[in-house]
Amino acid sequence: MRKADLVARIAEKTDIAKVDVLLTLETFFKEVKESIAEGENVYVRGFGSFIAKKRARKVGRNIKANKAIEIPEHYIPAFKPAKIFVDKVKTNLKVEGETKKKKK
């Protein structure tokens, strides 16, 4: 599903104009990005948490030059789904070979 598909579904289910849904969605994404960049995590109950994860310093390798390079510690954005979200996915999707259930 793409962002346009998501906007269309939300607009259809809520009878809100697509432009308004898109604006709201874009504002949500912008606020999450800004909060994470400022070091503040975003928690959405029943959905999950948008967090900044710390990656430790490590030694990597430049394959072309065949040299070891040091990668300093840094933060990356991450998403941790809520337990209720994980459980819903586990019950609706089957493992290898079994058909996927599609619920609406």
Protein backbone atom coordinates (compact mmCIF):
# COMPACT_ATOMS: atom_id res chain seq x y z
CA MET A 1 0.00 0.00 0.00
CA ARG A 2 1.29 3.42 -0.93
CA LYS A 3 0.59 6.74 0.77
CA ALA A 4 -1.96 7.63 -1.92
CA ASP A 5 -3.82 4.37 -1.27
CA LEU A 6 -3.83 5.06 2.46
CA VAL A 7 -5.17 8.58 1.92
CA ALA A 8 -7.90 7.23 -0.37
CA ARG A 9 -8.98 4.59 2.17
CA ILE A 10 -9.08 7.04 5.07
CA ALA A 11 -11.00 9.60 2.99
CA GLU A 12 -13.50 6.94 1.93
CA LYS A 13 -14.07 5.63 5.46
CA THR A 14 -14.34 9.05 7.13
CA ASP A 15 -16.01 11.13 4.39
CA ILE A 16 -13.22 13.70 4.71
CA ALA A 17 -11.73 15.26 1.57
CA LYS A 18 -8.56 13.58 0.31
CA VAL A 19 -6.71 16.91 0.45
CA ASP A 20 -7.50 17.26 4.17
CA VAL A 21 -6.51 13.66 4.89
CA LEU A 22 -3.24 14.13 2.99
CA LEU A 23 -2.48 17.34 4.87
CA THR A 24 -3.16 15.64 8.20
CA LEU A 25 -1.03 12.63 7.31
CA GLU A 26 1.85 14.80 6.09
CA THR A 27 1.66 16.89 9.27
CA PHE A 28 1.75 13.71 11.38
CA PHE A 29 4.84 12.45 9.54
CA LYS A 30 6.54 15.84 9.87
CA GLU A 31 5.86 16.02 13.62
CA VAL A 32 7.16 12.47 14.17
CA LYS A 33 10.36 13.26 12.22
CA GLU A 34 10.93 16.51 14.12
CA SER A 35 10.28 14.89 17.51
CA ILE A 36 12.68 12.01 16.83
CA ALA A 37 15.32 14.43 15.51
CA GLU A 38 15.03 16.39 18.78
CA GLY A 39 15.47 13.19 20.83
CA GLU A 40 11.83 12.90 21.87
CA ASN A 41 10.11 9.55 21.29
CA VAL A 42 6.53 9.38 19.99
CA TYR A 43 4.16 6.85 21.58
CA VAL A 44 0.84 5.95 19.94
CA ARG A 45 -1.12 3.66 22.26
CA GLY A 46 -2.29 0.48 20.54
CA PHE A 47 -0.10 1.15 17.49
CA GLY A 48 3.53 1.52 18.55
CA SER A 49 6.44 3.79 19.32
CA PHE A 50 8.65 5.84 17.05
CA ILE A 51 12.04 5.98 18.74
CA ALA A 52 15.67 6.93 18.16
CA LYS A 53 17.94 3.89 18.60
CA LYS A 54 21.58 4.30 19.50
CA ARG A 55 24.03 2.35 17.37
CA ALA A 56 27.38 1.64 18.99
CA ARG A 57 30.73 2.51 17.42
CA LYS A 58 31.98 -0.28 15.17
CA VAL A 59 34.57 -1.14 12.60
CA GLY A 60 33.34 -1.50 9.03
CA ARG A 61 35.13 -2.26 5.80
CA ASN A 62 35.51 -0.24 2.62
CA ILE A 63 35.40 -3.08 0.10
CA LYS A 64 36.80 -1.07 -2.84
CA ALA A 65 39.86 0.17 -0.93
CA ASN A 66 40.05 -2.99 1.25
CA LYS A 67 40.50 -0.85 4.35
CA ALA A 68 38.91 -0.96 7.77
CA ILE A 69 37.03 2.19 8.68
CA GLU A 70 35.62 3.26 12.01
CA ILE A 71 31.91 4.01 12.07
CA PRO A 72 31.18 6.33 15.01
CA GLU A 73 28.23 5.80 17.32
CA HIS A 74 25.05 7.31 15.95
CA TYR A 75 21.27 7.28 16.24
CA ILE A 76 18.79 5.87 13.74
CA PRO A 77 14.99 6.18 13.68
CA ALA A 78 13.09 3.00 14.51
CA PHE A 79 9.54 1.80 15.02
CA LYS A 80 8.54 -0.62 17.76
CA PRO A 81 5.01 -1.98 17.28
CA ALA A 82 2.65 -2.30 20.26
CA LYS A 83 1.89 -5.78 21.57
CA ILE A 84 -1.73 -5.60 20.40
CA PHE A 85 -0.49 -4.70 16.88
CA VAL A 86 1.99 -7.60 16.83
CA ASP A 87 -0.67 -10.04 18.06
CA LYS A 88 -3.11 -8.95 15.33
CA VAL A 89 -0.50 -9.49 12.61
CA LYS A 90 0.45 -12.90 14.07
CA THR A 91 -3.16 -14.10 14.08
CA ASN A 92 -4.01 -12.78 10.61
CA LEU A 93 -0.92 -13.86 8.65
CA LYS A 94 0.24 -17.44 8.34
CA VAL A 95 3.79 -18.76 8.03
CA GLU A 96 5.29 -20.07 4.73
CA GLY A 97 3.08 -22.01 2.41
CA GLU A 98 -0.18 -21.23 4.14
CA THR A 99 -2.50 -18.71 2.54
CA LYS A 100 -2.73 -15.21 3.89
CA LYS A 101 -6.02 -14.13 5.40
CA LYS A 102 -7.29 -10.80 4.20
CA LYS A 103 -9.56 -9.04 6.67
CA LYS A 104 -11.24 -5.71 6.24
